[in-house]
N, C-alpha and C. Protein backbone atom coordinates (compact mmCIF):
# COMPACT_ATOMS: atom_id res chain seq x y z
N MET A 1 0.84 -1.18 0.00
CA MET A 1 0.00 0.00 0.00
C MET A 1 0.88 1.24 0.00
N PRO A 2 0.57 2.20 -0.88
CA PRO A 2 1.41 3.40 -0.93
C PRO A 2 1.25 4.24 0.32
N LYS A 3 2.30 4.94 0.65
CA LYS A 3 2.25 5.84 1.80
C LYS A 3 1.64 7.15 1.32
N LEU A 4 0.56 7.54 1.98
CA LEU A 4 -0.11 8.78 1.63
C LEU A 4 0.15 9.81 2.70
N ASP A 5 0.66 10.94 2.29
CA ASP A 5 0.91 12.03 3.21
C ASP A 5 -0.12 13.11 2.90
N VAL A 6 -1.16 13.19 3.70
CA VAL A 6 -2.27 14.08 3.42
C VAL A 6 -2.51 14.99 4.61
N SER A 7 -2.69 16.26 4.31
CA SER A 7 -3.03 17.22 5.34
C SER A 7 -4.45 17.69 5.09
N VAL A 8 -5.31 17.53 6.09
CA VAL A 8 -6.71 17.91 5.95
C VAL A 8 -7.07 18.86 7.08
N LYS A 9 -7.78 19.92 6.75
CA LYS A 9 -8.19 20.88 7.77
C LYS A 9 -9.25 20.26 8.67
N GLN A 10 -9.22 20.65 9.93
CA GLN A 10 -10.18 20.10 10.90
C GLN A 10 -11.62 20.39 10.48
N ASP A 11 -11.88 21.56 9.88
CA ASP A 11 -13.23 21.89 9.43
C ASP A 11 -13.72 20.87 8.40
N THR A 12 -12.82 20.45 7.52
CA THR A 12 -13.18 19.46 6.50
C THR A 12 -13.51 18.13 7.15
N ILE A 13 -12.71 17.73 8.11
CA ILE A 13 -12.95 16.48 8.82
C ILE A 13 -14.29 16.55 9.56
N ASP A 14 -14.55 17.65 10.24
CA ASP A 14 -15.80 17.81 10.98
C ASP A 14 -17.01 17.77 10.05
N ALA A 15 -16.91 18.45 8.90
CA ALA A 15 -18.01 18.45 7.93
C ALA A 15 -18.23 17.05 7.37
N SER A 16 -17.15 16.34 7.09
CA SER A 16 -17.27 14.98 6.57
C SER A 16 -17.86 14.05 7.60
N ARG A 17 -17.42 14.20 8.83
CA ARG A 17 -17.96 13.37 9.92
C ARG A 17 -19.47 13.63 10.07
N ALA A 18 -19.89 14.89 9.98
CA ALA A 18 -21.31 15.23 10.08
C ALA A 18 -22.10 14.64 8.92
N ALA A 19 -21.56 14.73 7.71
CA ALA A 19 -22.23 14.15 6.54
C ALA A 19 -22.34 12.64 6.67
N ALA A 20 -21.27 12.02 7.15
CA ALA A 20 -21.28 10.58 7.35
C ALA A 20 -22.33 10.19 8.38
N SER A 21 -22.37 10.91 9.46
CA SER A 21 -23.34 10.63 10.52
C SER A 21 -24.77 10.78 10.01
N ALA A 22 -25.01 11.81 9.22
CA ALA A 22 -26.35 12.03 8.66
C ALA A 22 -26.76 10.90 7.73
N ALA A 23 -25.76 10.26 7.09
CA ALA A 23 -26.04 9.13 6.19
C ALA A 23 -26.01 7.80 6.93
N GLY A 24 -25.81 7.85 8.26
CA GLY A 24 -25.78 6.63 9.04
C GLY A 24 -24.49 5.83 8.86
N MET A 25 -23.40 6.52 8.56
CA MET A 25 -22.12 5.87 8.30
C MET A 25 -21.07 6.42 9.26
N ASN A 26 -19.96 5.69 9.38
CA ASN A 26 -18.83 6.26 10.12
C ASN A 26 -17.92 6.96 9.12
N LEU A 27 -16.95 7.70 9.63
CA LEU A 27 -16.09 8.51 8.75
C LEU A 27 -15.29 7.64 7.78
N SER A 28 -14.84 6.48 8.22
CA SER A 28 -14.07 5.60 7.34
C SER A 28 -14.91 5.12 6.16
N ASN A 29 -16.13 4.67 6.44
CA ASN A 29 -17.02 4.22 5.35
C ASN A 29 -17.39 5.36 4.42
N TRP A 30 -17.62 6.53 5.01
CA TRP A 30 -17.97 7.71 4.22
C TRP A 30 -16.81 8.06 3.28
N THR A 31 -15.60 8.01 3.80
CA THR A 31 -14.42 8.31 2.98
C THR A 31 -14.29 7.32 1.83
N ASP A 32 -14.48 6.04 2.11
CA ASP A 32 -14.44 5.03 1.05
C ASP A 32 -15.49 5.32 -0.02
N LYS A 33 -16.69 5.68 0.41
CA LYS A 33 -17.77 5.98 -0.53
C LYS A 33 -17.42 7.18 -1.40
N VAL A 34 -16.96 8.24 -0.78
CA VAL A 34 -16.63 9.47 -1.52
C VAL A 34 -15.49 9.22 -2.52
N LEU A 35 -14.46 8.51 -2.08
CA LEU A 35 -13.33 8.23 -2.98
C LEU A 35 -13.75 7.32 -4.13
N THR A 36 -14.59 6.34 -3.86
CA THR A 36 -15.08 5.46 -4.91
C THR A 36 -15.88 6.25 -5.94
N GLU A 37 -16.76 7.12 -5.46
CA GLU A 37 -17.55 7.94 -6.38
C GLU A 37 -16.66 8.86 -7.21
N ALA A 38 -15.62 9.40 -6.61
CA ALA A 38 -14.69 10.26 -7.35
C ALA A 38 -13.96 9.47 -8.42
N ALA A 39 -13.57 8.24 -8.10
CA ALA A 39 -12.87 7.40 -9.08
C ALA A 39 -13.79 7.09 -10.26
N TRP A 40 -15.05 6.79 -9.98
CA TRP A 40 -16.00 6.51 -11.07
C TRP A 40 -16.27 7.75 -11.90
N ARG A 41 -16.37 8.93 -11.27
CA ARG A 41 -16.56 10.17 -12.03
C ARG A 41 -15.37 10.41 -12.97
N GLN A 42 -14.16 10.17 -12.46
CA GLN A 42 -12.97 10.36 -13.28
C GLN A 42 -12.97 9.37 -14.45
N ARG A 43 -13.32 8.13 -14.17
CA ARG A 43 -13.36 7.12 -15.24
C ARG A 43 -14.40 7.49 -16.29
N PHE A 44 -15.57 7.92 -15.84
CA PHE A 44 -16.62 8.32 -16.77
C PHE A 44 -16.18 9.52 -17.59
N SER A 45 -15.50 10.46 -16.96
CA SER A 45 -15.03 11.65 -17.66
C SER A 45 -14.05 11.28 -18.76
N ARG A 46 -13.11 10.37 -18.45
CA ARG A 46 -12.16 9.92 -19.49
C ARG A 46 -12.88 9.22 -20.63
N SER A 47 -13.85 8.40 -20.30
CA SER A 47 -14.62 7.69 -21.32
C SER A 47 -15.40 8.68 -22.19
N ALA A 48 -16.03 9.66 -21.56
CA ALA A 48 -16.78 10.67 -22.31
C ALA A 48 -15.86 11.47 -23.23
N GLU A 49 -14.65 11.77 -22.76
CA GLU A 49 -13.69 12.50 -23.59
C GLU A 49 -13.28 11.67 -24.80
N ARG A 50 -13.02 10.38 -24.60
CA ARG A 50 -12.68 9.50 -25.74
C ARG A 50 -13.83 9.46 -26.75
N GLU A 51 -15.06 9.34 -26.26
CA GLU A 51 -16.21 9.31 -27.16
C GLU A 51 -16.33 10.62 -27.92
N ARG A 52 -16.11 11.74 -27.23
CA ARG A 52 -16.18 13.04 -27.90
C ARG A 52 -15.15 13.12 -29.01
N GLN A 53 -13.94 12.64 -28.74
CA GLN A 53 -12.88 12.68 -29.74
C GLN A 53 -13.23 11.80 -30.95
N LEU A 54 -13.98 10.73 -30.72
CA LEU A 54 -14.38 9.84 -31.80
C LEU A 54 -15.63 10.33 -32.53
N GLY A 55 -16.23 11.39 -32.03
CA GLY A 55 -17.43 11.94 -32.68
C GLY A 55 -18.71 11.25 -32.25
N ILE A 56 -18.66 10.51 -31.16
CA ILE A 56 -19.85 9.84 -30.65
C ILE A 56 -20.61 10.82 -29.78
N THR A 57 -21.75 11.25 -30.30
CA THR A 57 -22.59 12.22 -29.60
C THR A 57 -23.89 11.55 -29.18
N PRO A 58 -24.67 12.19 -28.32
CA PRO A 58 -25.98 11.63 -27.98
C PRO A 58 -26.86 11.43 -29.21
N GLU A 59 -26.76 12.34 -30.16
CA GLU A 59 -27.54 12.20 -31.39
C GLU A 59 -27.10 10.99 -32.19
N TRP A 60 -25.78 10.79 -32.29
CA TRP A 60 -25.25 9.62 -33.00
C TRP A 60 -25.72 8.34 -32.33
N LEU A 61 -25.65 8.30 -31.00
CA LEU A 61 -26.08 7.11 -30.27
C LEU A 61 -27.56 6.82 -30.49
N ALA A 62 -28.39 7.87 -30.49
CA ALA A 62 -29.83 7.67 -30.73
C ALA A 62 -30.07 7.10 -32.12
N GLY A 63 -29.37 7.64 -33.11
CA GLY A 63 -29.50 7.12 -34.48
C GLY A 63 -29.03 5.68 -34.58
N HIS A 64 -27.94 5.37 -33.93
CA HIS A 64 -27.41 4.00 -33.94
C HIS A 64 -28.41 3.04 -33.30
N LYS A 65 -29.01 3.46 -32.19
CA LYS A 65 -30.00 2.62 -31.51
C LYS A 65 -31.20 2.36 -32.43
N GLU A 66 -31.65 3.40 -33.12
CA GLU A 66 -32.76 3.23 -34.06
C GLU A 66 -32.40 2.24 -35.16
N ASP A 67 -31.18 2.33 -35.70
CA ASP A 67 -30.73 1.41 -36.73
C ASP A 67 -30.73 -0.03 -36.22
N VAL A 68 -30.24 -0.23 -35.02
CA VAL A 68 -30.18 -1.57 -34.42
C VAL A 68 -31.60 -2.12 -34.25
N GLU A 69 -32.50 -1.28 -33.75
CA GLU A 69 -33.89 -1.73 -33.54
C GLU A 69 -34.55 -2.07 -34.88
N GLU A 70 -34.29 -1.30 -35.92
CA GLU A 70 -34.83 -1.59 -37.24
C GLU A 70 -34.30 -2.93 -37.76
N GLN A 71 -33.01 -3.18 -37.55
CA GLN A 71 -32.42 -4.44 -37.99
C GLN A 71 -33.04 -5.62 -37.23
N ARG A 72 -33.27 -5.45 -35.95
CA ARG A 72 -33.90 -6.52 -35.16
C ARG A 72 -35.32 -6.80 -35.65
N ALA A 73 -36.05 -5.73 -35.93
CA ALA A 73 -37.43 -5.88 -36.39
C ALA A 73 -37.49 -6.54 -37.76
N ALA A 74 -36.51 -6.26 -38.60
CA ALA A 74 -36.50 -6.80 -39.96
C ALA A 74 -35.99 -8.24 -40.00
N GLY A 75 -35.24 -8.63 -38.99
CA GLY A 75 -34.52 -9.87 -39.11
C GLY A 75 -34.89 -11.03 -38.36
């Protein structure tokens, strides 16, 4: 496990502890949840950027879905 040297302000810890408590969690579980969500957001962001670079837009996806559905109906 890598050594992490992190400095966090007490106000941040207190706010996180309060948010965790409100969600019925302890600070450790809350931290795991927040970090996991951040990792997924980052992964999604990279994926969205790759799709943008390839020209895959919501409109393109909708058209592709329609084409697939037409092929299924015909076949």
